[in-house]
Amino acid sequence: MTGDGRPVEEFTAELLAREVFGPLGGVVEIGAVNATGTWRLADVSLGDFLDGRGAEVDVLLAGVRSACAFDSTTMSIAWDLGWLRPHDVTAASLLLWSGGLTGVPAELESPAVVRHMCRVGADLQLTRLLHASVTAAVTARTEAKRGARALAAACTLSGGPRPSDVLRLWRVAHLVHVLRPGSDASDAGRSAFRAYEHVLTVTFGD
């Protein structure tokens, strides 16, 4: 049991879900900005964006639920975080999603800076989303073929890089650290991560 009386398994599922659904906020907000084609924040309507992309959101969430074996309570965290409800998209949030790479220029809301933050943020948050999803799936011991669909949906939603590009970023940013000799991953865990890498490579190519 955890300190608040919940089973350890429930607490672990919540932590894993927050790791997955945190980056989802970046994917959705960046997707809404990219969809304007102007990269002017005044033109962004997250409500309109989500209304028009409902099918893609459903595919993404269904893929996450299947791959990560999240139950209904755990899946509700995606809604509780507020990313899938209409809200304002700010330059400050884009700066956060892009890891602060641009610094804080005087013209943070200029279309050129916003577009750059979106490009960087899409790379970063999709890679984090993929790693969190695979980690949750490995923890749940689901078979590897169940994760690819969610990745494709996330990439489409963001309007950012292709799934094959996200796969390459994930390999160098995360997978190599899981598989390095000194990591704390078990042999079974390493095998499971390798299985996901293989399936994703077959699905999306190098």
N, C-alpha and C. Protein backbone atom coordinates (compact mmCIF):
# COMPACT_ATOMS: atom_id res chain seq x y z
N MET A 1 0.84 -1.20 0.00
CA MET A 1 0.00 0.00 0.00
C MET A 1 0.88 1.25 0.00
N THR A 2 0.37 2.34 -0.60
CA THR A 2 1.07 3.61 -0.56
C THR A 2 0.68 4.37 0.71
N GLY A 3 1.29 5.53 0.91
CA GLY A 3 1.01 6.30 2.11
C GLY A 3 -0.43 6.76 2.22
N ASP A 4 -1.13 6.90 1.09
CA ASP A 4 -2.53 7.34 1.16
C ASP A 4 -3.50 6.17 1.12
N GLY A 5 -2.97 4.95 1.29
CA GLY A 5 -3.83 3.78 1.40
C GLY A 5 -4.16 3.09 0.09
N ARG A 6 -3.66 3.61 -1.02
CA ARG A 6 -3.95 2.99 -2.31
C ARG A 6 -2.97 1.86 -2.58
N PRO A 7 -3.40 0.85 -3.36
CA PRO A 7 -2.47 -0.21 -3.75
C PRO A 7 -1.31 0.36 -4.55
N VAL A 8 -0.14 -0.25 -4.42
CA VAL A 8 1.03 0.21 -5.15
C VAL A 8 0.77 0.21 -6.65
N GLU A 9 0.04 -0.80 -7.15
CA GLU A 9 -0.22 -0.91 -8.58
C GLU A 9 -1.00 0.30 -9.09
N GLU A 10 -1.96 0.76 -8.28
CA GLU A 10 -2.76 1.92 -8.69
C GLU A 10 -1.90 3.17 -8.72
N PHE A 11 -1.05 3.32 -7.72
CA PHE A 11 -0.17 4.49 -7.65
C PHE A 11 0.79 4.50 -8.83
N THR A 12 1.35 3.33 -9.17
CA THR A 12 2.27 3.22 -10.30
C THR A 12 1.57 3.57 -11.60
N ALA A 13 0.35 3.08 -11.79
CA ALA A 13 -0.39 3.37 -13.01
C ALA A 13 -0.64 4.86 -13.15
N GLU A 14 -0.95 5.54 -12.03
CA GLU A 14 -1.19 6.98 -12.08
C GLU A 14 0.08 7.72 -12.48
N LEU A 15 1.22 7.34 -11.90
CA LEU A 15 2.47 8.00 -12.26
C LEU A 15 2.80 7.79 -13.74
N LEU A 16 2.63 6.56 -14.21
CA LEU A 16 2.91 6.26 -15.61
C LEU A 16 1.98 7.06 -16.53
N ALA A 17 0.71 7.15 -16.14
CA ALA A 17 -0.25 7.89 -16.96
C ALA A 17 0.10 9.37 -17.02
N ARG A 18 0.55 9.94 -15.91
CA ARG A 18 0.92 11.35 -15.92
C ARG A 18 2.15 11.59 -16.80
N GLU A 19 3.05 10.61 -16.84
CA GLU A 19 4.21 10.71 -17.74
C GLU A 19 3.77 10.68 -19.20
N VAL A 20 2.69 9.94 -19.50
CA VAL A 20 2.17 9.86 -20.87
C VAL A 20 1.37 11.11 -21.22
N PHE A 21 0.45 11.49 -20.32
CA PHE A 21 -0.49 12.56 -20.65
C PHE A 21 0.09 13.96 -20.46
N GLY A 22 1.23 14.07 -19.76
CA GLY A 22 1.90 15.36 -19.69
C GLY A 22 2.33 15.85 -21.07
N PRO A 23 3.14 15.07 -21.79
CA PRO A 23 3.54 15.47 -23.15
C PRO A 23 2.37 15.63 -24.11
N LEU A 24 1.26 14.93 -23.83
CA LEU A 24 0.10 15.06 -24.70
C LEU A 24 -0.38 16.51 -24.74
N GLY A 25 -0.21 17.23 -23.63
CA GLY A 25 -0.58 18.64 -23.63
C GLY A 25 0.20 19.43 -24.66
N GLY A 26 1.49 19.15 -24.77
CA GLY A 26 2.30 19.82 -25.77
C GLY A 26 1.88 19.44 -27.18
N VAL A 27 1.60 18.18 -27.39
CA VAL A 27 1.19 17.71 -28.72
C VAL A 27 -0.08 18.42 -29.17
N VAL A 28 -1.04 18.53 -28.26
CA VAL A 28 -2.32 19.17 -28.61
C VAL A 28 -2.15 20.67 -28.84
N GLU A 29 -1.47 21.35 -27.93
CA GLU A 29 -1.32 22.80 -28.08
C GLU A 29 -0.50 23.14 -29.32
N ILE A 30 0.58 22.42 -29.54
CA ILE A 30 1.40 22.67 -30.73
C ILE A 30 0.62 22.37 -32.00
N GLY A 31 -0.16 21.30 -31.97
CA GLY A 31 -0.98 20.97 -33.13
C GLY A 31 -1.96 22.09 -33.45
N ALA A 32 -2.56 22.67 -32.42
CA ALA A 32 -3.53 23.76 -32.64
C ALA A 32 -2.85 24.98 -33.24
N VAL A 33 -1.63 25.27 -32.80
CA VAL A 33 -0.89 26.42 -33.35
C VAL A 33 -0.48 26.13 -34.79
N ASN A 34 0.06 24.95 -35.04
CA ASN A 34 0.48 24.61 -36.40
C ASN A 34 -0.69 24.63 -37.38
N ALA A 35 -1.87 24.27 -36.89
CA ALA A 35 -3.05 24.20 -37.77
C ALA A 35 -3.46 25.57 -38.29
N THR A 36 -3.05 26.64 -37.61
CA THR A 36 -3.42 27.98 -38.09
C THR A 36 -2.69 28.33 -39.38
N GLY A 37 -1.47 27.83 -39.53
CA GLY A 37 -0.65 28.18 -40.69
C GLY A 37 -0.08 29.58 -40.61
N THR A 38 -0.44 30.34 -39.57
CA THR A 38 0.06 31.71 -39.41
C THR A 38 1.03 31.83 -38.25
N TRP A 39 0.93 30.89 -37.31
CA TRP A 39 1.73 30.89 -36.08
C TRP A 39 1.53 32.18 -35.28
N ARG A 40 0.31 32.74 -35.41
CA ARG A 40 -0.08 33.87 -34.57
C ARG A 40 -1.01 33.33 -33.49
N LEU A 41 -0.67 33.56 -32.24
CA LEU A 41 -1.44 32.97 -31.15
C LEU A 41 -2.87 33.49 -31.11
N ALA A 42 -3.10 34.69 -31.62
CA ALA A 42 -4.46 35.23 -31.66
C ALA A 42 -5.37 34.42 -32.59
N ASP A 43 -4.77 33.68 -33.51
CA ASP A 43 -5.55 32.88 -34.47
C ASP A 43 -5.86 31.48 -33.95
N VAL A 44 -5.34 31.11 -32.78
CA VAL A 44 -5.47 29.74 -32.29
C VAL A 44 -6.80 29.56 -31.56
N SER A 45 -7.54 28.53 -31.94
CA SER A 45 -8.74 28.11 -31.22
C SER A 45 -8.58 26.63 -30.90
N LEU A 46 -8.24 26.33 -29.67
CA LEU A 46 -8.05 24.94 -29.30
C LEU A 46 -9.36 24.17 -29.38
N GLY A 47 -10.47 24.84 -29.07
CA GLY A 47 -11.76 24.18 -29.17
C GLY A 47 -12.07 23.74 -30.58
N ASP A 48 -11.86 24.65 -31.54
CA ASP A 48 -12.10 24.30 -32.94
C ASP A 48 -11.16 23.20 -33.40
N PHE A 49 -9.91 23.28 -32.96
CA PHE A 49 -8.93 22.27 -33.34
C PHE A 49 -9.35 20.89 -32.84
N LEU A 50 -9.74 20.80 -31.59
CA LEU A 50 -10.14 19.51 -31.02
C LEU A 50 -11.43 19.00 -31.65
N ASP A 51 -12.35 19.91 -31.95
CA ASP A 51 -13.59 19.49 -32.61
C ASP A 51 -13.29 18.86 -33.97
N GLY A 52 -12.34 19.44 -34.68
CA GLY A 52 -12.01 18.93 -36.01
C GLY A 52 -11.13 17.70 -36.01
N ARG A 53 -10.48 17.43 -34.87
CA ARG A 53 -9.54 16.30 -34.79
C ARG A 53 -10.01 15.24 -33.80
N GLY A 54 -11.30 15.22 -33.54
CA GLY A 54 -11.83 14.28 -32.55
C GLY A 54 -11.48 12.82 -32.85
N ALA A 55 -11.55 12.44 -34.13
CA ALA A 55 -11.26 11.06 -34.49
C ALA A 55 -9.80 10.72 -34.20
N GLU A 56 -8.88 11.65 -34.47
CA GLU A 56 -7.47 11.40 -34.21
C GLU A 56 -7.19 11.31 -32.71
N VAL A 57 -7.85 12.17 -31.93
CA VAL A 57 -7.71 12.09 -30.47
C VAL A 57 -8.21 10.76 -29.96
N ASP A 58 -9.34 10.30 -30.49
CA ASP A 58 -9.91 9.02 -30.05
C ASP A 58 -8.96 7.86 -30.38
N VAL A 59 -8.35 7.90 -31.56
CA VAL A 59 -7.42 6.84 -31.95
C VAL A 59 -6.19 6.86 -31.04
N LEU A 60 -5.69 8.06 -30.76
CA LEU A 60 -4.53 8.18 -29.88
C LEU A 60 -4.84 7.63 -28.50
N LEU A 61 -5.95 8.04 -27.92
CA LEU A 61 -6.30 7.59 -26.57
C LEU A 61 -6.59 6.09 -26.54
N ALA A 62 -7.23 5.58 -27.57
CA ALA A 62 -7.49 4.15 -27.63
C ALA A 62 -6.19 3.37 -27.73
N GLY A 63 -5.24 3.90 -28.52
CA GLY A 63 -3.95 3.24 -28.64
C GLY A 63 -3.18 3.24 -27.34
N VAL A 64 -3.21 4.38 -26.63
CA VAL A 64 -2.54 4.46 -25.33
C VAL A 64 -3.18 3.49 -24.34
N ARG A 65 -4.50 3.47 -24.32
CA ARG A 65 -5.19 2.59 -23.37
C ARG A 65 -4.86 1.12 -23.65
N SER A 66 -4.85 0.76 -24.92
CA SER A 66 -4.55 -0.62 -25.28
C SER A 66 -3.11 -0.99 -24.96
N ALA A 67 -2.18 -0.13 -25.36
CA ALA A 67 -0.76 -0.44 -25.17
C ALA A 67 -0.36 -0.42 -23.70
N CYS A 68 -0.90 0.54 -22.95
CA CYS A 68 -0.46 0.74 -21.57
C CYS A 68 -1.33 0.02 -20.55
N ALA A 69 -2.43 -0.57 -21.02
CA ALA A 69 -3.36 -1.29 -20.13
C ALA A 69 -3.88 -0.40 -19.01
N PHE A 70 -4.21 0.86 -19.35
CA PHE A 70 -4.78 1.78 -18.38
C PHE A 70 -6.28 1.50 -18.24
N ASP A 71 -6.78 1.56 -17.02
CA ASP A 71 -8.22 1.40 -16.82
C ASP A 71 -8.91 2.76 -16.98
N SER A 72 -10.24 2.78 -16.80
CA SER A 72 -11.00 4.01 -17.03
C SER A 72 -10.59 5.13 -16.09
N THR A 73 -10.32 4.78 -14.84
CA THR A 73 -9.92 5.78 -13.86
C THR A 73 -8.58 6.41 -14.25
N THR A 74 -7.66 5.58 -14.68
CA THR A 74 -6.34 6.08 -15.08
C THR A 74 -6.45 6.93 -16.34
N MET A 75 -7.28 6.49 -17.29
CA MET A 75 -7.45 7.26 -18.52
C MET A 75 -8.07 8.63 -18.25
N SER A 76 -8.87 8.75 -17.19
CA SER A 76 -9.52 10.02 -16.90
C SER A 76 -8.52 11.11 -16.56
N ILE A 77 -7.28 10.73 -16.23
CA ILE A 77 -6.24 11.72 -15.93
C ILE A 77 -6.01 12.63 -17.15
N ALA A 78 -6.15 12.07 -18.35
CA ALA A 78 -5.97 12.88 -19.56
C ALA A 78 -6.95 14.05 -19.57
N TRP A 79 -8.17 13.83 -19.12
CA TRP A 79 -9.17 14.89 -19.08
C TRP A 79 -8.96 15.79 -17.87
N ASP A 80 -8.56 15.18 -16.76
CA ASP A 80 -8.35 15.97 -15.54
C ASP A 80 -7.25 17.02 -15.71
N LEU A 81 -6.24 16.71 -16.51
CA LEU A 81 -5.15 17.65 -16.73
C LEU A 81 -5.58 18.86 -17.54
N GLY A 82 -6.69 18.73 -18.25
CA GLY A 82 -7.26 19.88 -18.97
C GLY A 82 -6.79 20.07 -20.39
N TRP A 83 -5.89 19.21 -20.86
CA TRP A 83 -5.34 19.42 -22.21
C TRP A 83 -6.39 19.21 -23.29
N LEU A 84 -7.38 18.40 -23.02
CA LEU A 84 -8.37 18.05 -24.04
C LEU A 84 -9.65 18.87 -23.91
N ARG A 85 -9.56 19.98 -23.16
CA ARG A 85 -10.66 20.94 -23.06
C ARG A 85 -10.20 22.27 -23.63
N PRO A 86 -11.10 23.06 -24.18
CA PRO A 86 -10.70 24.36 -24.73
C PRO A 86 -10.00 25.23 -23.69
N HIS A 87 -8.89 25.82 -24.07
CA HIS A 87 -8.16 26.75 -23.21
C HIS A 87 -7.23 27.58 -24.09
N ASP A 88 -6.72 28.66 -23.53
CA ASP A 88 -5.81 29.52 -24.29
C ASP A 88 -4.43 28.88 -24.41
N VAL A 89 -3.83 29.05 -25.56
CA VAL A 89 -2.45 28.62 -25.77
C VAL A 89 -1.57 29.86 -25.70
N THR A 90 -0.60 29.85 -24.83
CA THR A 90 0.25 31.03 -24.61
C THR A 90 1.67 30.79 -25.08
N ALA A 91 2.38 31.88 -25.30
CA ALA A 91 3.79 31.77 -25.66
C ALA A 91 4.58 31.12 -24.53
N ALA A 92 4.18 31.39 -23.30
CA ALA A 92 4.88 30.80 -22.15
C ALA A 92 4.76 29.28 -22.16
N SER A 93 3.59 28.76 -22.52
CA SER A 93 3.44 27.30 -22.56
C SER A 93 4.25 26.70 -23.70
N LEU A 94 4.31 27.38 -24.84
CA LEU A 94 5.12 26.89 -25.95
C LEU A 94 6.60 26.91 -25.58
N LEU A 95 7.00 27.92 -24.82
CA LEU A 95 8.38 27.97 -24.34
C LEU A 95 8.67 26.76 -23.46
N LEU A 96 7.71 26.40 -22.62
CA LEU A 96 7.85 25.23 -21.76
C LEU A 96 7.94 23.96 -22.58
N TRP A 97 7.04 23.80 -23.54
CA TRP A 97 7.02 22.57 -24.34
C TRP A 97 8.30 22.42 -25.16
N SER A 98 8.91 23.54 -25.54
CA SER A 98 10.14 23.48 -26.35
C SER A 98 11.39 23.45 -25.50
N GLY A 99 11.22 23.28 -24.19
CA GLY A 99 12.37 23.13 -23.30
C GLY A 99 13.16 24.40 -23.10
N GLY A 100 12.56 25.56 -23.42
CA GLY A 100 13.26 26.83 -23.25
C GLY A 100 14.41 27.03 -24.21
N LEU A 101 14.42 26.29 -25.31
CA LEU A 101 15.56 26.33 -26.22
C LEU A 101 15.80 27.73 -26.79
N THR A 102 14.74 28.47 -27.02
CA THR A 102 14.89 29.79 -27.63
C THR A 102 15.33 30.85 -26.63
N GLY A 103 15.32 30.53 -25.34
CA GLY A 103 15.48 31.58 -24.36
C GLY A 103 14.20 32.40 -24.31
N VAL A 104 14.29 33.63 -23.83
CA VAL A 104 13.10 34.48 -23.77
C VAL A 104 13.37 35.75 -24.58
N PRO A 105 13.22 35.66 -25.89
CA PRO A 105 13.48 36.84 -26.73
C PRO A 105 12.42 37.91 -26.51
N ALA A 106 12.73 39.13 -26.90
CA ALA A 106 11.80 40.25 -26.72
C ALA A 106 10.50 40.00 -27.47
N GLU A 107 10.59 39.35 -28.63
CA GLU A 107 9.41 39.09 -29.46
C GLU A 107 8.99 37.63 -29.35
N LEU A 108 8.69 37.18 -28.12
CA LEU A 108 8.38 35.77 -27.89
C LEU A 108 7.14 35.33 -28.66
N GLU A 109 6.20 36.24 -28.90
CA GLU A 109 4.97 35.88 -29.59
C GLU A 109 5.04 36.12 -31.10
N SER A 110 6.19 36.51 -31.63
CA SER A 110 6.29 36.72 -33.07
C SER A 110 6.11 35.39 -33.78
N PRO A 111 5.49 35.39 -34.97
CA PRO A 111 5.25 34.13 -35.69
C PRO A 111 6.52 33.31 -35.91
N ALA A 112 7.63 33.96 -36.18
CA ALA A 112 8.87 33.22 -36.43
C ALA A 112 9.32 32.47 -35.18
N VAL A 113 9.24 33.12 -34.03
CA VAL A 113 9.65 32.47 -32.78
C VAL A 113 8.65 31.39 -32.40
N VAL A 114 7.37 31.68 -32.56
CA VAL A 114 6.33 30.69 -32.24
C VAL A 114 6.50 29.44 -33.11
N ARG A 115 6.75 29.65 -34.39
CA ARG A 115 6.94 28.50 -35.28
C ARG A 115 8.14 27.68 -34.85
N HIS A 116 9.22 28.34 -34.48
CA HIS A 116 10.42 27.62 -34.04
C HIS A 116 10.14 26.83 -32.76
N MET A 117 9.44 27.45 -31.82
CA MET A 117 9.10 26.74 -30.59
C MET A 117 8.21 25.53 -30.89
N CYS A 118 7.33 25.67 -31.85
CA CYS A 118 6.46 24.54 -32.21
C CYS A 118 7.25 23.39 -32.81
N ARG A 119 8.21 23.71 -33.66
CA ARG A 119 9.02 22.66 -34.29
C ARG A 119 9.84 21.92 -33.24
N VAL A 120 10.48 22.68 -32.37
CA VAL A 120 11.29 22.06 -31.32
C VAL A 120 10.40 21.31 -30.33
N GLY A 121 9.29 21.94 -29.95
CA GLY A 121 8.39 21.33 -28.99
C GLY A 121 7.76 20.04 -29.49
N ALA A 122 7.42 20.00 -30.76
CA ALA A 122 6.85 18.77 -31.31
C ALA A 122 7.86 17.63 -31.24
N ASP A 123 9.10 17.91 -31.61
CA ASP A 123 10.14 16.87 -31.51
C ASP A 123 10.28 16.37 -30.07
N LEU A 124 10.35 17.32 -29.15
CA LEU A 124 10.61 16.98 -27.75
C LEU A 124 9.44 16.25 -27.12
N GLN A 125 8.23 16.77 -27.29
CA GLN A 125 7.08 16.18 -26.60
C GLN A 125 6.64 14.86 -27.23
N LEU A 126 6.75 14.72 -28.54
CA LEU A 126 6.42 13.43 -29.16
C LEU A 126 7.42 12.35 -28.73
N THR A 127 8.69 12.73 -28.60
CA THR A 127 9.68 11.76 -28.14
C THR A 127 9.41 11.36 -26.71
N ARG A 128 9.05 12.32 -25.87
CA ARG A 128 8.71 12.00 -24.48
C ARG A 128 7.45 11.15 -24.40
N LEU A 129 6.47 11.48 -25.24
CA LEU A 129 5.23 10.71 -25.25
C LEU A 129 5.49 9.27 -25.66
N LEU A 130 6.33 9.08 -26.68
CA LEU A 130 6.65 7.73 -27.10
C LEU A 130 7.36 6.96 -25.99
N HIS A 131 8.35 7.58 -25.36
CA HIS A 131 9.08 6.87 -24.32
C HIS A 131 8.17 6.54 -23.14
N ALA A 132 7.34 7.47 -22.74
CA ALA A 132 6.43 7.21 -21.62
C ALA A 132 5.44 6.10 -21.96
N SER A 133 4.95 6.10 -23.20
CA SER A 133 3.99 5.06 -23.62
C SER A 133 4.64 3.68 -23.66
N VAL A 134 5.84 3.61 -24.21
CA VAL A 134 6.53 2.32 -24.26
C VAL A 134 6.88 1.85 -22.85
N THR A 135 7.32 2.76 -22.00
CA THR A 135 7.64 2.39 -20.62
C THR A 135 6.42 1.83 -19.91
N ALA A 136 5.27 2.49 -20.08
CA ALA A 136 4.04 2.01 -19.45
C ALA A 136 3.62 0.67 -20.03
N ALA A 137 3.79 0.51 -21.34
CA ALA A 137 3.43 -0.76 -21.97
C ALA A 137 4.33 -1.90 -21.51
N VAL A 138 5.63 -1.62 -21.38
CA VAL A 138 6.56 -2.62 -20.88
C VAL A 138 6.21 -2.99 -19.44
N THR A 139 5.88 -1.99 -18.64
CA THR A 139 5.49 -2.24 -17.25
C THR A 139 4.24 -3.11 -17.18
N ALA A 140 3.29 -2.85 -18.09
CA ALA A 140 2.05 -3.63 -18.12
C ALA A 140 2.22 -4.98 -18.80
N ARG A 141 3.38 -5.20 -19.42
CA ARG A 141 3.69 -6.46 -20.11
C ARG A 141 2.73 -6.74 -21.26
N THR A 142 2.35 -5.68 -21.98
CA THR A 142 1.54 -5.87 -23.17
C THR A 142 2.46 -6.17 -24.34
N GLU A 143 1.94 -6.86 -25.32
CA GLU A 143 2.78 -7.24 -26.45
C GLU A 143 3.04 -6.03 -27.34
N ALA A 144 4.17 -6.07 -28.02
CA ALA A 144 4.74 -4.87 -28.62
C ALA A 144 3.93 -4.25 -29.75
N LYS A 145 3.10 -5.00 -30.43
CA LYS A 145 2.43 -4.46 -31.61
C LYS A 145 1.35 -3.44 -31.27
N ARG A 146 1.04 -3.27 -29.99
CA ARG A 146 -0.09 -2.43 -29.62
C ARG A 146 0.24 -0.94 -29.51
N GLY A 147 1.52 -0.55 -29.63
CA GLY A 147 1.87 0.84 -29.42
C GLY A 147 1.99 1.69 -30.66
N ALA A 148 2.16 1.09 -31.81
CA ALA A 148 2.47 1.85 -33.02
C ALA A 148 1.33 2.77 -33.44
N ARG A 149 0.10 2.32 -33.29
CA ARG A 149 -1.04 3.11 -33.74
C ARG A 149 -1.12 4.45 -33.01
N ALA A 150 -0.85 4.44 -31.71
CA ALA A 150 -0.92 5.67 -30.93
C ALA A 150 0.13 6.68 -31.39
N LEU A 151 1.32 6.20 -31.72
CA LEU A 151 2.38 7.09 -32.18
C LEU A 151 1.99 7.78 -33.47
N ALA A 152 1.44 7.04 -34.40
CA ALA A 152 1.03 7.63 -35.68
C ALA A 152 -0.03 8.70 -35.46
N ALA A 153 -0.99 8.42 -34.59
CA ALA A 153 -2.06 9.39 -34.31
C ALA A 153 -1.50 10.64 -33.66
N ALA A 154 -0.55 10.49 -32.75
CA ALA A 154 0.04 11.64 -32.06
C ALA A 154 0.79 12.52 -33.05
N CYS A 155 1.53 11.92 -33.96
CA CYS A 155 2.28 12.70 -34.94
C CYS A 155 1.35 13.47 -35.86
N THR A 156 0.26 12.85 -36.27
CA THR A 156 -0.72 13.52 -37.12
C THR A 156 -1.36 14.68 -36.38
N LEU A 157 -1.66 14.47 -35.12
CA LEU A 157 -2.32 15.50 -34.31
C LEU A 157 -1.42 16.72 -34.14
N SER A 158 -0.14 16.50 -33.96
CA SER A 158 0.77 17.63 -33.71
C SER A 158 1.08 18.43 -34.95
N GLY A 159 0.90 17.83 -36.12
CA GLY A 159 1.32 18.49 -37.36
C GLY A 159 2.81 18.62 -37.44
N GLY A 160 3.53 17.80 -36.68
CA GLY A 160 4.98 17.89 -36.60
C GLY A 160 5.68 16.78 -37.36
N PRO A 161 6.71 16.20 -36.75
CA PRO A 161 7.55 15.23 -37.46
C PRO A 161 6.81 13.93 -37.78
N ARG A 162 7.35 13.19 -38.72
CA ARG A 162 6.80 11.89 -39.08
C ARG A 162 7.09 10.89 -37.97
N PRO A 163 6.28 9.81 -37.87
CA PRO A 163 6.56 8.78 -36.87
C PRO A 163 7.98 8.23 -36.97
N SER A 164 8.49 8.06 -38.19
CA SER A 164 9.85 7.51 -38.34
C SER A 164 10.89 8.47 -37.75
N ASP A 165 10.64 9.78 -37.85
CA ASP A 165 11.56 10.75 -37.26
C ASP A 165 11.51 10.69 -35.73
N VAL A 166 10.30 10.56 -35.18
CA VAL A 166 10.15 10.45 -33.72
C VAL A 166 10.83 9.19 -33.22
N LEU A 167 10.71 8.12 -33.98
CA LEU A 167 11.37 6.86 -33.61
C LEU A 167 12.88 7.04 -33.53
N ARG A 168 13.46 7.73 -34.50
CA ARG A 168 14.90 7.96 -34.47
C ARG A 168 15.30 8.82 -33.27
N LEU A 169 14.52 9.86 -33.00
CA LEU A 169 14.81 10.71 -31.85
C LEU A 169 14.73 9.90 -30.55
N TRP A 170 13.73 9.05 -30.44
CA TRP A 170 13.54 8.23 -29.23
C TRP A 170 14.73 7.30 -29.03
N ARG A 171 15.21 6.72 -30.08
CA ARG A 171 16.36 5.80 -29.95
C ARG A 171 17.54 6.49 -29.30
N VAL A 172 17.88 7.68 -29.79
CA VAL A 172 19.11 8.33 -29.32
C VAL A 172 18.89 9.08 -28.00
N ALA A 173 17.66 9.54 -27.75
CA ALA A 173 17.40 10.31 -26.53
C ALA A 173 17.07 9.44 -25.33
N HIS A 174 16.47 8.28 -25.57
CA HIS A 174 15.98 7.46 -24.45
C HIS A 174 16.41 6.00 -24.50
N LEU A 175 16.21 5.37 -25.64
CA LEU A 175 16.41 3.92 -25.69
C LEU A 175 17.85 3.53 -25.38
N VAL A 176 18.81 4.28 -25.88
CA VAL A 176 20.21 3.91 -25.62
C VAL A 176 20.52 3.92 -24.12
N HIS A 177 19.84 4.78 -23.36
CA HIS A 177 20.08 4.84 -21.92
C HIS A 177 19.45 3.65 -21.20
N VAL A 178 18.31 3.18 -21.71
CA VAL A 178 17.68 1.99 -21.13
C VAL A 178 18.55 0.76 -21.36
N LEU A 179 19.16 0.69 -22.54
CA LEU A 179 19.88 -0.53 -22.93
C LEU A 179 21.37 -0.51 -22.61
N ARG A 180 21.88 0.61 -22.12
CA ARG A 180 23.32 0.66 -21.83
C ARG A 180 23.66 -0.32 -20.70
N PRO A 181 24.87 -0.83 -20.68
CA PRO A 181 25.24 -1.85 -19.69
C PRO A 181 25.00 -1.44 -18.24
N GLY A 182 25.17 -0.16 -17.92
CA GLY A 182 25.04 0.25 -16.52
C GLY A 182 23.64 0.65 -16.09
N SER A 183 22.63 0.51 -16.95
CA SER A 183 21.28 0.92 -16.58
C SER A 183 20.68 -0.08 -15.58
N ASP A 184 19.61 0.36 -14.90
CA ASP A 184 18.98 -0.52 -13.91
C ASP A 184 17.86 -1.36 -14.51
N ALA A 185 17.75 -1.38 -15.84
CA ALA A 185 16.71 -2.19 -16.49
C ALA A 185 17.03 -3.68 -16.34
N SER A 186 16.00 -4.46 -16.11
CA SER A 186 16.17 -5.91 -16.01
C SER A 186 16.38 -6.50 -17.40
N ASP A 187 16.82 -7.73 -17.45
CA ASP A 187 16.98 -8.40 -18.75
C ASP A 187 15.64 -8.48 -19.47
N ALA A 188 14.58 -8.77 -18.71
CA ALA A 188 13.25 -8.85 -19.32
C ALA A 188 12.82 -7.48 -19.86
N GLY A 189 13.13 -6.44 -19.10
CA GLY A 189 12.79 -5.10 -19.55
C GLY A 189 13.54 -4.71 -20.81
N ARG A 190 14.82 -5.02 -20.85
CA ARG A 190 15.60 -4.72 -22.06
C ARG A 190 15.02 -5.44 -23.27
N SER A 191 14.66 -6.69 -23.09
CA SER A 191 14.09 -7.46 -24.20
C SER A 191 12.78 -6.84 -24.67
N ALA A 192 11.98 -6.37 -23.71
CA ALA A 192 10.69 -5.77 -24.06
C ALA A 192 10.89 -4.46 -24.82
N PHE A 193 11.82 -3.63 -24.38
CA PHE A 193 12.10 -2.38 -25.09
C PHE A 193 12.62 -2.68 -26.50
N ARG A 194 13.47 -3.68 -26.62
CA ARG A 194 13.99 -4.05 -27.95
C ARG A 194 12.85 -4.53 -28.85
N ALA A 195 11.90 -5.24 -28.26
CA ALA A 195 10.76 -5.72 -29.06
C ALA A 195 9.94 -4.55 -29.58
N TYR A 196 9.73 -3.54 -28.74
CA TYR A 196 9.00 -2.35 -29.20
C TYR A 196 9.77 -1.61 -30.29
N GLU A 197 11.07 -1.50 -30.11
CA GLU A 197 11.88 -0.83 -31.14
C GLU A 197 11.76 -1.57 -32.46
N HIS A 198 11.78 -2.89 -32.41
CA HIS A 198 11.68 -3.69 -33.63
C HIS A 198 10.33 -3.47 -34.31
N VAL A 199 9.25 -3.55 -33.53
CA VAL A 199 7.92 -3.39 -34.10
C VAL A 199 7.74 -1.99 -34.69
N LEU A 200 8.20 -0.98 -33.98
CA LEU A 200 8.08 0.39 -34.48
C LEU A 200 8.90 0.61 -35.75
N THR A 201 10.08 -0.03 -35.80
CA THR A 201 10.92 0.08 -36.99
C THR A 201 10.23 -0.59 -38.19
N VAL A 202 9.67 -1.75 -37.98
CA VAL A 202 8.96 -2.45 -39.05
C VAL A 202 7.76 -1.63 -39.52
N THR A 203 7.07 -1.01 -38.55
CA THR A 203 5.86 -0.26 -38.85
C THR A 203 6.16 1.04 -39.59
N PHE A 204 7.17 1.78 -39.12
CA PHE A 204 7.41 3.11 -39.64
C PHE A 204 8.69 3.24 -40.45
N GLY A 205 9.57 2.26 -40.38
CA GLY A 205 10.81 2.31 -41.14
C GLY A 205 11.85 3.16 -40.46
N ASP A 206 13.05 3.10 -40.99
CA ASP A 206 14.16 3.87 -40.44
C ASP A 206 14.22 5.26 -41.06
